[in-house]
C-alpha atoms as a PDB file:
ATOM      1  CA  MET A   1      54.208 107.747 162.695  1.00  0.00           C
ATOM      2  CA  LEU A   2      54.728 110.976 164.545  1.00  0.00           C
ATOM      3  CA  ASP A   3      57.273 113.389 163.108  1.00  0.00           C
ATOM      4  CA  GLU A   4      58.600 114.352 166.510  1.00  0.00           C
ATOM      5  CA  VAL A   5      59.116 111.643 169.111  1.00  0.00           C
ATOM      6  CA  LYS A   6      58.931 112.875 172.686  1.00  0.00           C
ATOM      7  CA  ALA A   7      61.508 111.066 174.782  1.00  0.00           C
ATOM      8  CA  ILE A   8      60.228 110.080 178.194  1.00  0.00           C
ATOM      9  CA  ASN A   9      62.681 109.181 180.936  1.00  0.00           C
ATOM     10  CA  TYR A  10      60.932 106.090 182.269  1.00  0.00           C
ATOM     11  CA  PHE A  11      62.011 104.037 185.227  1.00  0.00           C
ATOM     12  CA  LYS A  12      61.458 100.617 183.690  1.00  0.00           C
ATOM     13  CA  HIS A  13      60.763  98.849 187.000  1.00  0.00           C
ATOM     14  CA  LEU A  14      57.989 101.369 187.768  1.00  0.00           C
ATOM     15  CA  VAL A  15      56.338 101.491 184.339  1.00  0.00           C
ATOM     16  CA  ALA A  16      56.612  97.742 183.694  1.00  0.00           C
ATOM     17  CA  PRO A  17      56.894  95.838 186.977  1.00  0.00           C
ATOM     18  CA  ASP A  18      57.504  92.105 187.252  1.00  0.00           C
ATOM     19  CA  LYS A  19      56.654  90.046 184.149  1.00  0.00           C
ATOM     20  CA  ALA A  20      55.858  93.175 182.112  1.00  0.00           C
ATOM     21  CA  GLY A  21      59.559  94.081 182.079  1.00  0.00           C
ATOM     22  CA  GLU A  22      60.252  91.592 179.310  1.00  0.00           C
ATOM     23  CA  PHE A  23      57.656  93.314 177.081  1.00  0.00           C
ATOM     24  CA  PHE A  24      58.574  96.916 177.927  1.00  0.00           C
ATOM     25  CA  SER A  25      60.846  97.615 174.923  1.00  0.00           C
ATOM     26  CA  LEU A  26      58.269  96.329 172.450  1.00  0.00           C
ATOM     27  CA  PHE A  27      55.393  98.383 173.859  1.00  0.00           C
ATOM     28  CA  GLU A  28      57.517 101.479 174.430  1.00  0.00           C
ATOM     29  CA  GLU A  29      58.542 101.364 170.761  1.00  0.00           C
ATOM     30  CA  VAL A  30      54.971 100.870 169.563  1.00  0.00           C
ATOM     31  CA  MET A  31      53.672 103.650 171.837  1.00  0.00           C
ATOM     32  CA  ARG A  32      56.192 106.078 170.332  1.00  0.00           C
ATOM     33  CA  THR A  33      54.351 105.722 167.011  1.00  0.00           C
ATOM     34  CA  THR A  34      51.200 107.163 168.622  1.00  0.00           C
ATOM     35  CA  SER A  35      50.248 110.459 170.228  1.00  0.00           C
ATOM     36  CA  TYR A  36      49.935 108.729 173.615  1.00  0.00           C
ATOM     37  CA  SER A  37      52.415 108.141 176.430  1.00  0.00           C
ATOM     38  CA  LEU A  38      52.805 104.879 178.290  1.00  0.00           C
ATOM     39  CA  VAL A  39      52.152 105.230 182.018  1.00  0.00           C
ATOM     40  CA  ARG A  40      52.058 101.600 183.167  1.00  0.00           C
ATOM     41  CA  LEU A  41      52.298  98.192 181.529  1.00  0.00           C
ATOM     42  CA  LYS A  42      51.169  95.051 183.323  1.00  0.00           C
ATOM     43  CA  VAL A  43      51.278  91.566 181.872  1.00  0.00           C
ATOM     44  CA  SER A  44      49.836  88.436 183.460  1.00  0.00           C
ATOM     45  CA  GLY A  45      48.868  84.955 182.343  1.00  0.00           C
ATOM     46  CA  LYS A  46      50.675  82.077 180.670  1.00  0.00           C
ATOM     47  CA  GLU A  47      48.649  80.522 177.853  1.00  0.00           C
ATOM     48  CA  GLU A  48      46.916  83.786 177.042  1.00  0.00           C
ATOM     49  CA  LEU A  49      48.509  87.040 178.144  1.00  0.00           C
ATOM     50  CA  ASN A  50      46.418  89.753 179.751  1.00  0.00           C
ATOM     51  CA  ILE A  51      48.144  92.996 178.717  1.00  0.00           C
ATOM     52  CA  GLN A  52      47.009  96.055 180.634  1.00  0.00           C
ATOM     53  CA  ILE A  53      48.211  99.436 179.431  1.00  0.00           C
ATOM     54  CA  MET A  54      47.641 102.728 181.213  1.00  0.00           C
ATOM     55  CA  ALA A  55      48.222 105.612 178.830  1.00  0.00           C
ATOM     56  CA  GLU A  56      47.547 109.305 178.422  1.00  0.00           C
ATOM     57  CA  LYS A  57      47.788 112.175 175.995  1.00  0.00           C
ATOM     58  CA  GLU A  58      50.311 114.953 176.506  1.00  0.00           C
ATOM     59  CA  ASN A  59      47.686 116.982 178.390  1.00  0.00           C
ATOM     60  CA  LYS A  60      47.327 114.048 180.856  1.00  0.00           C
ATOM     61  CA  SER A  61      43.818 113.151 179.654  1.00  0.00           C
ATOM     62  CA  MET A  62      42.511 109.841 178.318  1.00  0.00           C
ATOM     63  CA  VAL A  63      38.859 109.275 177.435  1.00  0.00           C
ATOM     64  CA  ILE A  64      37.098 106.173 176.116  1.00  0.00           C
ATOM     65  CA  LYS A  65      37.523 107.317 172.506  1.00  0.00           C
ATOM     66  CA  ASP A  66      41.292 107.586 173.097  1.00  0.00           C
ATOM     67  CA  CYS A  67      41.358 104.058 174.536  1.00  0.00           C
ATOM     68  CA  LYS A  68      39.703 102.718 171.391  1.00  0.00           C
ATOM     69  CA  ILE A  69      42.058 104.647 169.086  1.00  0.00           C
ATOM     70  CA  LEU A  70      45.124 103.448 170.993  1.00  0.00           C
ATOM     71  CA  SER A  71      43.865  99.864 171.174  1.00  0.00           C
ATOM     72  CA  ASN A  72      43.354  99.755 167.394  1.00  0.00           C
ATOM     73  CA  ALA A  73      46.784 101.302 166.786  1.00  0.00           C
ATOM     74  CA  LEU A  74      48.531  98.840 169.113  1.00  0.00           C
ATOM     75  CA  VAL A  75      46.815  95.781 167.655  1.00  0.00           C
ATOM     76  CA  ALA A  76      47.711  96.919 164.119  1.00  0.00           C
ATOM     77  CA  ALA A  77      51.335  97.576 165.108  1.00  0.00           C
ATOM     78  CA  ILE A  78      51.677  94.232 166.907  1.00  0.00           C
ATOM     79  CA  ASP A  79      50.187  92.402 163.917  1.00  0.00           C
ATOM     80  CA  GLU A  80      52.500  94.276 161.540  1.00  0.00           C
ATOM     81  CA  LEU A  81      55.581  93.313 163.561  1.00  0.00           C
ATOM     82  CA  GLY A  82      54.820  89.647 163.103  1.00  0.00           C
ATOM     83  CA  THR A  83      57.202  88.744 165.943  1.00  0.00           C
ATOM     84  CA  PHE A  84      54.659  88.808 168.782  1.00  0.00           C
ATOM     85  CA  THR A  85      53.461  85.217 168.848  1.00  0.00           C
ATOM     86  CA  HIS A  86      51.466  85.213 172.088  1.00  0.00           C
ATOM     87  CA  ASP A  87      47.692  84.981 172.314  1.00  0.00           C
ATOM     88  CA  TYR A  88      46.608  88.051 174.229  1.00  0.00           C
ATOM     89  CA  ILE A  89      43.822  90.201 175.590  1.00  0.00           C
ATOM     90  CA  LEU A  90      44.599  93.911 175.438  1.00  0.00           C
ATOM     91  CA  GLU A  91      43.130  96.352 177.955  1.00  0.00           C
ATOM     92  CA  ILE A  92      43.677 100.096 177.589  1.00  0.00           C
ATOM     93  CA  SER A  93      42.768 102.586 180.318  1.00  0.00           C
ATOM     94  CA  SER A  94      43.553 105.995 181.711  1.00  0.00           C
ATOM     95  CA  PRO A  95      45.889 106.099 184.710  1.00  0.00           C
ATOM     96  CA  GLY A  96      42.940 107.072 186.927  1.00  0.00           C
ATOM     97  CA  ILE A  97      42.871 109.357 189.927  1.00  0.00           C
ATOM     98  CA  ASP A  98      45.412 107.304 191.874  1.00  0.00           C
ATOM     99  CA  ARG A  99      47.818 107.249 188.936  1.00  0.00           C
ATOM    100  CA  PRO A 100      51.239 105.685 189.296  1.00  0.00           C
ATOM    101  CA  LEU A 101      54.286 107.878 188.746  1.00  0.00           C
ATOM    102  CA  THR A 102      56.761 106.169 186.446  1.00  0.00           C
ATOM    103  CA  SER A 103      59.095 108.763 184.898  1.00  0.00           C
ATOM    104  CA  LYS A 104      61.284 111.741 185.742  1.00  0.00           C
ATOM    105  CA  GLU A 105      58.729 113.912 183.979  1.00  0.00           C
ATOM    106  CA  ASP A 106      55.961 112.610 186.273  1.00  0.00           C
ATOM    107  CA  PHE A 107      57.950 113.571 189.360  1.00  0.00           C
ATOM    108  CA  SER A 108      58.270 117.139 188.088  1.00  0.00           C
ATOM    109  CA  TYR A 109      54.728 117.489 186.712  1.00  0.00           C
ATOM    110  CA  TRP A 110      52.996 116.152 189.832  1.00  0.00           C
ATOM    111  CA  ALA A 111      55.189 118.032 192.358  1.00  0.00           C
ATOM    112  CA  GLY A 112      53.058 119.437 195.156  1.00  0.00           C
ATOM    113  CA  LYS A 113      50.567 116.545 195.079  1.00  0.00           C
ATOM    114  CA  ASN A 114      50.026 113.957 197.806  1.00  0.00           C
ATOM    115  CA  VAL A 115      51.688 110.615 197.142  1.00  0.00           C
ATOM    116  CA  SER A 116      51.954 107.136 198.589  1.00  0.00           C
ATOM    117  CA  VAL A 117      55.382 105.509 198.296  1.00  0.00           C
ATOM    118  CA  LYS A 118      56.270 101.850 198.786  1.00  0.00           C
ATOM    119  CA  LEU A 119      59.947 100.907 198.897  1.00  0.00           C
ATOM    120  CA  ASN A 120      61.881  97.709 198.269  1.00  0.00           C
ATOM    121  CA  LYS A 121      64.430  98.725 200.931  1.00  0.00           C
ATOM    122  CA  PRO A 122      63.638 100.685 204.085  1.00  0.00           C
ATOM    123  CA  ILE A 123      64.660 104.291 204.665  1.00  0.00           C
ATOM    124  CA  ASN A 124      64.827 105.185 208.353  1.00  0.00           C
ATOM    125  CA  SER A 125      63.455 101.672 209.039  1.00  0.00           C
ATOM    126  CA  LEU A 126      60.236 102.318 207.033  1.00  0.00           C
ATOM    127  CA  LYS A 127      59.159 100.896 203.668  1.00  0.00           C
ATOM    128  CA  LYS A 128      55.960 102.960 203.291  1.00  0.00           C
ATOM    129  CA  TYR A 129      55.579 106.707 203.260  1.00  0.00           C
ATOM    130  CA  THR A 130      52.853 109.205 202.483  1.00  0.00           C
ATOM    131  CA  GLY A 131      53.502 112.844 201.956  1.00  0.00           C
ATOM    132  CA  THR A 132      53.774 115.596 199.384  1.00  0.00           C
ATOM    133  CA  LEU A 133      55.907 115.111 196.300  1.00  0.00           C
ATOM    134  CA  LYS A 134      58.613 117.767 196.163  1.00  0.00           C
ATOM    135  CA  GLY A 135      60.003 116.631 192.792  1.00  0.00           C
ATOM    136  CA  PHE A 136      63.033 115.021 191.178  1.00  0.00           C
ATOM    137  CA  PHE A 137      66.393 116.487 192.194  1.00  0.00           C
ATOM    138  CA  ASN A 138      69.957 115.181 191.835  1.00  0.00           C
ATOM    139  CA  GLU A 139      68.660 111.876 190.444  1.00  0.00           C
ATOM    140  CA  LYS A 140      66.430 111.295 193.487  1.00  0.00           C
ATOM    141  CA  VAL A 141      62.721 111.596 194.234  1.00  0.00           C
ATOM    142  CA  GLU A 142      62.067 113.945 197.133  1.00  0.00           C
ATOM    143  CA  VAL A 143      58.971 113.725 199.316  1.00  0.00           C
ATOM    144  CA  TYR A 144      57.886 115.874 202.250  1.00  0.00           C
ATOM    145  CA  THR A 145      56.752 113.220 204.692  1.00  0.00           C
ATOM    146  CA  SER A 146      53.474 113.446 206.542  1.00  0.00           C
ATOM    147  CA  SER A 147      55.260 114.861 209.562  1.00  0.00           C
ATOM    148  CA  GLY A 148      55.911 118.174 207.815  1.00  0.00           C
ATOM    149  CA  GLU A 149      57.950 120.168 205.301  1.00  0.00           C
ATOM    150  CA  LYS A 150      61.106 119.905 207.384  1.00  0.00           C
ATOM    151  CA  ASP A 151      61.078 116.133 207.014  1.00  0.00           C
ATOM    152  CA  ILE A 152      62.140 115.383 203.453  1.00  0.00           C
ATOM    153  CA  ILE A 153      63.157 111.942 202.294  1.00  0.00           C
ATOM    154  CA  SER A 154      65.346 111.588 199.214  1.00  0.00           C
ATOM    155  CA  ILE A 155      64.768 108.292 197.461  1.00  0.00           C
ATOM    156  CA  LYS A 156      66.855 106.617 194.782  1.00  0.00           C
ATOM    157  CA  PRO A 157      64.364 105.562 192.089  1.00  0.00           C
ATOM    158  CA  GLU A 158      65.725 102.002 191.973  1.00  0.00           C
ATOM    159  CA  ILE A 159      64.469 101.265 195.516  1.00  0.00           C
ATOM    160  CA  ILE A 160      60.934 102.488 194.815  1.00  0.00           C
ATOM    161  CA  LYS A 161      58.496  99.602 194.475  1.00  0.00           C
ATOM    162  CA  SER A 162      55.592 101.913 193.617  1.00  0.00           C
ATOM    163  CA  ILE A 163      54.635 105.546 193.943  1.00  0.00           C
ATOM    164  CA  SER A 164      51.216 106.927 193.159  1.00  0.00           C
ATOM    165  CA  ILE A 165      49.069 109.999 193.586  1.00  0.00           C
ATOM    166  CA  VAL A 166      46.767 109.967 196.597  1.00  0.00           C
ATOM    167  CA  TRP A 167      43.543 111.529 195.411  1.00  0.00           C
ATOM    168  CA  SER A 168      42.057 114.482 197.219  1.00  0.00           C
ATOM    169  CA  PRO A 169      39.602 117.165 196.048  1.00  0.00           C
ATOM    170  CA  GLU A 170      42.552 119.541 195.607  1.00  0.00           C
ATOM    171  CA  ILE A 171      44.120 117.250 192.966  1.00  0.00           C
ATOM    172  CA  SER A 172      41.837 118.644 190.287  1.00  0.00           C
ATOM    173  CA  LYS A 173      43.087 122.179 190.817  1.00  0.00           C
ATOM    174  CA  PRO A 174      45.696 123.362 188.272  1.00  0.00           C
ATOM    175  CA  ASN A 175      49.347 123.459 189.369  1.00  0.00           C
END
């Protein structure tokens, strides 16, 4: 186990949408015993669960070797628990270039990057926005909409269906 556990302020509905929500606590707990952070958890299937985990190291990287290390650690931890009785296939990956944003920390770290936002409830009669992430302020996600810096939408996290980085060549430049 790690000596120091880094608390991440996840929005459960963003990190573990739909069926994955019922498995979130288990995987969040197991992930805390590793040097990796959970980005997204997806679970599908009935007889055999397909568990897809997007993860990353603190420096936001995740290479194939890391996927193997994390996969082995998760399988060992699940087996040790003895309470996970489902047959499953485990897939580990990096968040990729169009990574989802799922925590308060993400909204601060990725400020200034282009994002695509899908909402469960409309704001100004729209449920989809693209723009530049301003950050997380007063418990809301703020985005400069595509129409310019003067047009900022403030979004309560609970109405966000998904929010992800929109890749562009500039994304690889340091903040």
